[in-house]
Protein backbone atom coordinates (compact mmCIF):
# COMPACT_ATOMS: atom_id res chain seq x y z
CA MET A 1 -78.95 -26.70 -36.14
CA ILE A 2 -75.39 -25.33 -35.92
CA ARG A 3 -72.99 -26.32 -38.94
CA PHE A 4 -69.58 -25.16 -39.54
CA LEU A 5 -68.58 -23.52 -42.81
CA GLU A 6 -65.24 -24.55 -42.88
CA PRO A 7 -65.45 -27.89 -40.31
CA TRP A 8 -61.24 -28.48 -40.50
CA TRP A 9 -60.70 -25.87 -38.19
CA LEU A 10 -62.24 -28.13 -35.43
CA LEU A 11 -58.83 -29.52 -35.58
CA ALA A 12 -57.70 -26.79 -33.28
CA LEU A 13 -59.97 -28.50 -30.65
CA LEU A 14 -57.69 -31.18 -30.09
CA PRO A 15 -54.84 -29.63 -28.23
CA VAL A 16 -57.68 -28.07 -25.95
CA LEU A 17 -58.82 -31.59 -24.95
CA ALA A 18 -55.57 -32.89 -24.58
CA VAL A 19 -54.69 -30.05 -22.07
CA ALA A 20 -58.48 -30.88 -20.32
CA GLY A 21 -57.13 -34.44 -20.37
CA ILE A 22 -53.71 -33.58 -18.67
CA TYR A 23 -55.42 -31.64 -16.00
CA THR A 24 -57.62 -34.51 -15.29
CA TRP A 25 -54.88 -36.90 -15.18
CA ARG A 26 -53.38 -34.66 -12.89
CA GLN A 27 -56.37 -34.32 -10.32
CA PHE A 28 -56.09 -37.80 -9.91
CA ARG A 29 -52.87 -38.36 -9.63
CA LYS A 30 -52.92 -35.66 -6.94
CA ARG A 31 -55.64 -37.74 -5.17
CA THR A 32 -53.27 -41.00 -4.89
CA TYR A 33 -50.25 -38.86 -3.61
CA ALA A 34 -52.58 -37.70 -0.93
CA MET A 35 -53.85 -41.57 0.24
CA ARG A 36 -50.31 -42.86 1.00
CA PHE A 37 -50.54 -39.95 4.19
CA THR A 38 -52.74 -42.43 6.20
CA ASN A 39 -52.82 -40.22 9.15
CA VAL A 40 -55.93 -38.25 7.89
CA ASP A 41 -56.48 -36.38 11.08
CA LEU A 42 -53.05 -35.06 11.48
CA LEU A 43 -53.09 -34.34 8.12
CA ARG A 44 -56.15 -31.83 8.72
CA THR A 45 -54.43 -29.96 11.55
CA LEU A 46 -51.38 -29.51 9.38
CA ALA A 47 -52.85 -28.44 5.84
CA PRO A 48 -55.02 -25.46 5.62
CA LYS A 49 -58.82 -25.79 4.47
CA GLY A 50 -58.70 -25.72 0.48
CA LEU A 51 -60.91 -24.63 -1.96
CA GLY A 52 -62.47 -27.82 -2.54
CA TRP A 53 -64.59 -28.36 -5.65
CA ARG A 54 -64.67 -24.61 -6.12
CA LYS A 55 -60.76 -25.02 -7.47
CA HIS A 56 -62.56 -26.76 -10.60
CA ILE A 57 -64.97 -24.00 -11.55
CA SER A 58 -62.07 -21.58 -12.98
CA ALA A 59 -60.02 -24.26 -14.53
CA ALA A 60 -63.27 -25.55 -16.44
CA ALA A 61 -64.50 -22.24 -17.60
CA PHE A 62 -60.99 -21.50 -18.89
CA LEU A 63 -61.37 -24.67 -20.72
CA LEU A 64 -64.35 -24.00 -21.64
CA SER A 65 -63.26 -20.33 -23.29
CA LEU A 66 -60.85 -22.30 -25.45
CA LEU A 67 -63.14 -24.85 -26.94
CA THR A 68 -65.40 -22.18 -27.52
CA LEU A 69 -62.60 -20.35 -29.50
CA GLY A 70 -61.85 -23.37 -31.04
CA ALA A 71 -65.21 -23.92 -32.67
CA ALA A 72 -65.60 -20.34 -33.92
CA LEU A 73 -62.37 -20.66 -36.27
CA ALA A 74 -64.68 -22.98 -38.05
CA ARG A 75 -67.21 -20.46 -38.51
CA PRO A 76 -70.63 -21.78 -37.20
CA SER A 77 -73.69 -20.79 -38.65
CA VAL A 78 -77.28 -21.71 -38.86
CA ASP A 79 -79.72 -22.25 -41.49
CA LYS A 80 -81.83 -19.51 -42.55
CA GLU A 81 -84.74 -19.76 -44.62
CA GLU A 82 -84.92 -16.26 -46.85
CA PRO A 83 -88.13 -15.78 -49.07
CA LEU A 84 -87.08 -15.50 -52.54
CA GLU A 85 -89.16 -13.70 -55.26
CA ARG A 86 -89.51 -16.07 -58.40
CA ALA A 87 -91.26 -13.67 -60.59
CA THR A 88 -89.15 -13.26 -64.18
CA VAL A 89 -88.71 -11.14 -67.21
CA MET A 90 -87.00 -12.05 -70.09
CA LEU A 91 -85.45 -9.40 -72.29
CA ALA A 92 -85.09 -10.71 -75.63
CA ILE A 93 -82.95 -8.44 -78.26
CA ASP A 94 -82.39 -8.88 -81.74
CA VAL A 95 -78.67 -8.47 -82.89
CA SER A 96 -79.40 -9.23 -86.88
CA LEU A 97 -77.54 -6.79 -89.24
CA SER A 98 -80.54 -5.12 -89.95
CA MET A 99 -80.36 -3.72 -86.41
CA GLU A 100 -77.63 -1.43 -87.90
CA ALA A 101 -79.82 0.83 -89.81
CA ASP A 102 -79.76 4.34 -88.80
CA ASP A 103 -83.47 5.39 -89.58
CA VAL A 104 -83.51 5.35 -85.60
CA ALA A 105 -81.02 7.61 -84.39
CA PRO A 106 -78.47 7.03 -83.54
CA ASN A 107 -79.25 3.71 -85.13
CA ARG A 108 -81.38 0.55 -84.31
CA ILE A 109 -79.32 -1.40 -82.09
CA GLU A 110 -78.01 1.20 -79.72
CA ALA A 111 -81.82 2.72 -79.50
CA ALA A 112 -82.75 -0.43 -78.72
CA GLN A 113 -80.01 -1.04 -76.02
CA GLU A 114 -80.86 2.10 -75.09
CA ALA A 115 -84.66 1.38 -73.91
CA ALA A 116 -83.49 -2.32 -72.71
CA LYS A 117 -81.36 -0.35 -70.35
CA ALA A 118 -84.04 1.98 -68.97
CA PHE A 119 -86.46 -0.73 -68.68
CA VAL A 120 -83.69 -2.82 -66.68
CA ASN A 121 -83.23 0.29 -64.25
CA GLU A 122 -87.21 0.25 -63.69
CA LEU A 123 -87.73 -3.19 -62.91
CA PRO A 124 -88.40 -3.92 -59.38
CA PRO A 125 -85.27 -5.06 -57.73
CA THR A 126 -86.94 -8.11 -56.26
CA TYR A 127 -87.75 -9.71 -59.97
CA ASN A 128 -85.69 -12.28 -61.57
CA LEU A 129 -84.23 -10.87 -64.87
CA GLY A 130 -82.41 -12.76 -68.01
CA LEU A 131 -81.09 -11.49 -71.38
CA VAL A 132 -81.36 -13.36 -74.67
CA SER A 133 -80.02 -12.24 -78.18
CA PHE A 134 -81.10 -13.58 -81.44
CA ALA A 135 -79.52 -13.59 -85.01
CA LYS A 136 -79.46 -16.80 -86.79
CA ALA A 137 -80.13 -18.54 -83.44
CA ALA A 138 -80.90 -17.00 -79.98
CA ASN A 139 -78.81 -17.55 -76.98
CA VAL A 140 -79.27 -16.95 -73.25
CA LEU A 141 -76.83 -14.14 -72.33
CA VAL A 142 -77.95 -13.79 -68.75
CA SER A 143 -79.77 -16.42 -66.96
CA PRO A 144 -82.30 -15.22 -64.85
CA THR A 145 -81.09 -13.29 -61.88
CA LYS A 146 -81.48 -10.15 -60.02
CA ASP A 147 -77.70 -9.13 -60.08
CA ARG A 148 -78.49 -6.12 -62.59
CA SER A 149 -75.46 -5.14 -63.53
CA GLU A 150 -74.83 -8.35 -65.30
CA VAL A 151 -77.78 -7.27 -67.49
CA ILE A 152 -76.30 -4.44 -68.29
CA SER A 153 -73.06 -5.37 -68.64
CA ALA A 154 -74.41 -7.71 -71.55
CA ILE A 155 -76.53 -5.32 -73.29
CA ASP A 156 -73.74 -3.20 -73.92
CA GLY A 157 -71.60 -5.53 -75.20
CA LEU A 158 -74.42 -7.21 -78.20
CA THR A 159 -72.55 -7.78 -81.63
CA LEU A 160 -74.55 -8.15 -84.47
CA ALA A 161 -74.81 -10.91 -86.75
CA GLU A 162 -76.99 -12.42 -89.76
CA ALA A 163 -80.16 -14.04 -90.00
CA THR A 164 -83.20 -12.95 -87.66
CA ALA A 165 -84.71 -16.04 -85.35
CA THR A 166 -87.69 -14.49 -83.79
CA GLY A 167 -89.60 -17.24 -82.84
CA GLU A 168 -86.20 -19.49 -81.84
CA ALA A 169 -85.93 -16.06 -79.39
CA VAL A 170 -89.44 -16.68 -77.82
CA PHE A 171 -88.76 -20.63 -77.12
CA THR A 172 -85.49 -20.10 -75.76
CA SER A 173 -86.64 -17.20 -72.78
CA LEU A 174 -89.41 -20.00 -72.16
CA ASP A 175 -86.88 -22.20 -71.50
CA ALA A 176 -85.12 -19.60 -69.54
CA ILE A 177 -88.14 -19.11 -67.72
CA ARG A 178 -88.29 -22.64 -66.71
CA SER A 179 -84.94 -22.88 -65.20
CA VAL A 180 -86.27 -20.71 -62.20
CA PRO A 181 -85.82 -23.01 -59.05
CA ALA A 182 -89.26 -23.67 -57.65
CA ASP A 183 -87.49 -23.34 -53.92
CA GLY A 184 -90.81 -24.84 -52.37
CA ALA A 185 -92.98 -22.94 -54.48
CA ASP A 186 -96.02 -24.41 -56.48
CA GLY A 187 -96.10 -23.79 -60.34
CA ALA A 188 -94.29 -21.83 -62.67
CA PRO A 189 -93.15 -18.48 -61.84
CA PRO A 190 -95.13 -15.50 -62.95
CA ALA A 191 -93.24 -14.38 -66.10
CA ARG A 192 -93.37 -11.89 -68.92
CA ILE A 193 -90.98 -11.77 -72.00
CA VAL A 194 -90.02 -8.30 -73.44
CA LEU A 195 -88.65 -8.97 -77.03
CA LEU A 196 -86.92 -5.87 -79.48
CA SER A 197 -86.57 -6.15 -83.11
CA ASP A 198 -86.96 -5.05 -86.33
CA GLY A 199 -87.10 -7.37 -89.11
CA TYR A 200 -88.61 -10.41 -90.84
CA ARG A 201 -87.90 -13.81 -89.06
CA THR A 202 -85.34 -15.51 -91.82
CA SER A 203 -84.32 -18.60 -89.41
CA GLY A 204 -85.72 -21.08 -86.70
CA ARG A 205 -89.36 -21.61 -86.23
CA SER A 206 -92.11 -19.56 -86.64
CA VAL A 207 -93.34 -16.80 -84.85
CA GLU A 208 -96.70 -18.24 -85.02
CA ASP A 209 -95.57 -21.50 -82.83
CA ALA A 210 -93.91 -19.38 -80.67
CA ALA A 211 -96.95 -17.38 -79.93
CA THR A 212 -98.40 -20.73 -79.54
CA ALA A 213 -95.83 -21.90 -77.03
CA ALA A 214 -96.02 -18.64 -74.60
CA SER A 215 -100.25 -18.68 -74.71
CA GLN A 216 -99.71 -22.46 -73.62
CA ALA A 217 -97.27 -21.40 -70.87
CA ASN A 218 -99.30 -18.57 -70.28
CA VAL A 219 -96.50 -16.23 -70.78
CA PRO A 220 -97.50 -12.91 -72.26
CA VAL A 221 -94.53 -11.70 -75.01
CA SER A 222 -94.59 -7.66 -75.12
CA THR A 223 -92.77 -6.47 -78.59
CA ILE A 224 -90.97 -3.55 -79.57
CA ALA A 225 -90.55 -2.78 -83.21
CA PHE A 226 -87.46 -0.52 -83.97
CA GLY A 227 -86.99 1.16 -87.22
CA THR A 228 -89.05 2.56 -90.26
CA ASP A 229 -90.26 1.08 -93.74
CA THR A 230 -87.06 3.27 -95.50
CA GLY A 231 -84.45 1.70 -93.24
CA VAL A 232 -81.05 0.55 -95.39
CA VAL A 233 -78.30 -0.95 -94.01
CA ASP A 234 -75.12 -2.03 -96.03
CA ILE A 235 -74.17 -5.79 -96.37
CA ARG A 236 -71.03 -6.94 -97.79
CA GLY A 237 -70.84 -3.80 -100.00
CA ALA A 238 -74.33 -3.54 -100.91
CA LEU A 239 -77.33 -1.64 -99.82
CA GLN A 240 -80.38 -3.40 -98.62
CA ARG A 241 -83.80 -2.29 -97.66
CA VAL A 242 -84.60 -3.21 -94.32
CA PRO A 243 -88.67 -2.60 -93.50
CA VAL A 244 -89.53 -2.96 -90.04
CA ASP A 245 -91.95 -5.91 -89.57
CA ARG A 246 -94.84 -4.57 -87.49
CA LEU A 247 -97.25 -7.03 -88.47
CA SER A 248 -95.89 -10.44 -86.89
CA LEU A 249 -94.46 -8.35 -84.30
CA GLN A 250 -98.22 -6.70 -83.34
CA GLN A 251 -99.71 -10.15 -83.55
CA LEU A 252 -97.10 -11.88 -81.32
CA ALA A 253 -97.76 -9.76 -78.68
CA GLU A 254 -102.01 -10.05 -79.47
CA LYS A 255 -102.11 -13.20 -79.25
CA THR A 256 -99.93 -13.89 -76.29
CA LYS A 257 -101.66 -10.89 -74.03
CA GLY A 258 -98.69 -8.74 -74.29
CA TYR A 259 -98.40 -5.24 -75.51
CA PHE A 260 -96.81 -3.94 -78.78
CA TYR A 261 -95.06 -0.86 -78.91
CA GLU A 262 -93.15 1.30 -81.90
CA ALA A 263 -91.43 4.16 -79.43
CA ALA A 264 -91.32 2.64 -76.17
CA SER A 265 -91.06 5.15 -73.06
CA VAL A 266 -90.26 3.73 -69.86
CA SER A 267 -94.03 4.52 -68.55
CA GLU A 268 -95.22 2.45 -71.43
CA LEU A 269 -92.77 -0.55 -70.44
CA LYS A 270 -94.02 -0.36 -67.29
CA GLN A 271 -97.30 -1.80 -68.56
CA VAL A 272 -95.33 -5.39 -69.23
CA TYR A 273 -95.03 -6.03 -65.61
CA GLU A 274 -97.31 -4.29 -63.56
CA ASP A 275 -100.08 -6.82 -63.57
CA MET A 276 -97.36 -9.95 -63.06
CA GLY A 277 -97.88 -10.73 -59.45
CA SER A 278 -95.77 -12.54 -56.98
CA SER A 279 -94.59 -16.22 -56.57
CA ILE A 280 -92.56 -16.24 -53.11
CA GLY A 281 -90.03 -19.57 -53.08
CA HIS A 282 -87.52 -19.70 -49.74
CA ARG A 283 -83.96 -20.85 -50.22
CA VAL A 284 -82.31 -21.64 -46.72
CA GLU A 285 -79.19 -19.74 -46.62
CA PRO A 286 -76.18 -20.10 -43.61
CA ARG A 287 -76.11 -17.35 -41.38
CA GLU A 288 -73.13 -16.94 -39.43
CA VAL A 289 -72.97 -16.79 -36.00
CA THR A 290 -69.28 -16.82 -35.28
CA GLN A 291 -69.35 -13.68 -33.31
CA TRP A 292 -71.68 -15.23 -30.69
CA TYR A 293 -69.25 -17.89 -30.08
CA ALA A 294 -66.45 -15.14 -29.95
CA GLY A 295 -68.97 -13.39 -27.41
CA LEU A 296 -69.40 -16.45 -25.38
CA ALA A 297 -65.72 -17.22 -24.89
CA LEU A 298 -65.07 -14.13 -24.03
CA LEU A 299 -67.54 -14.36 -21.00
CA LEU A 300 -66.32 -17.42 -20.21
CA GLY A 301 -62.54 -16.29 -19.94
CA LEU A 302 -63.60 -13.64 -17.86
CA ALA A 303 -65.69 -16.10 -15.78
CA ALA A 304 -62.36 -17.69 -15.10
CA ALA A 305 -59.98 -15.14 -14.22
CA GLY A 306 -62.74 -13.39 -12.09
CA LEU A 307 -63.46 -16.67 -9.96
CA SER A 308 -59.51 -17.29 -9.54
CA LEU A 309 -58.42 -14.12 -8.40
CA ILE A 310 -61.76 -14.06 -6.05
CA TRP A 311 -60.41 -17.40 -4.42
CA THR A 312 -56.28 -17.52 -5.08
CA SER A 313 -56.09 -14.13 -6.17
CA ARG A 314 -54.15 -15.33 -9.33
CA LEU A 315 -54.97 -15.53 -13.05
CA PRO A 316 -55.74 -19.02 -13.84
């Protein structure tokens, strides 16, 4: 089915239709004048044999070329179904103040950012990827997308805040996964959550409730613990110990059938999505065919010129 991306350009067809109307009117007017000369036999001897119906062919081809060019201005397109991979990975990164501790070089948050970007660069480009940051609350910074540069930019722009809402990070990631359009596919997309954190939950729903919700949604949560038991951070001028909460992060991963890491290499992180599978939907995208219209207009114009030169020795 042909549709036009800029249909207002179809107004350019009006002058062409006006010219076609004038041409048609002129032909009928000529016929009227011819009928006034009643001695048809004498007229045949005086006037040379004309082109007859052939004289209209070059004019018709010329007008059709103008009509096609006018339609090309409106950017004609055809709808085409494009396969769309729905598999989705959500990155959830802890931005609590404890992530400023430097027991992991150069500090926890920068180490988490580097690990996250390495994961982004390794993820298959057909997969959707989203980003959630969490401190006192969890926020979707990047909804699931195939644009890796958008996710990298958001990772680089992370800023720290108070508290740690680990459970909320999982719930928010699950909501983002549900937002992935079906596009004609059945069921929820295959999905994984990768959660990078260090501290104990101090805000929001519990990690246990989050693990239950992820299990029910069949979304494994793989966790990466950053930090040591001796980490300290300066909060409002006072040094506070910020040991890493390995146990709850490990339990979250185990309950949801994900993986738990302490020092996550790129090769380890590949395990997160290797068994994820695929879900293909289809999205209808317009495919512009302006060049075909322009080509047809050129052929019609050449035909009009060629026929006119052959039959009348002049251009239309």
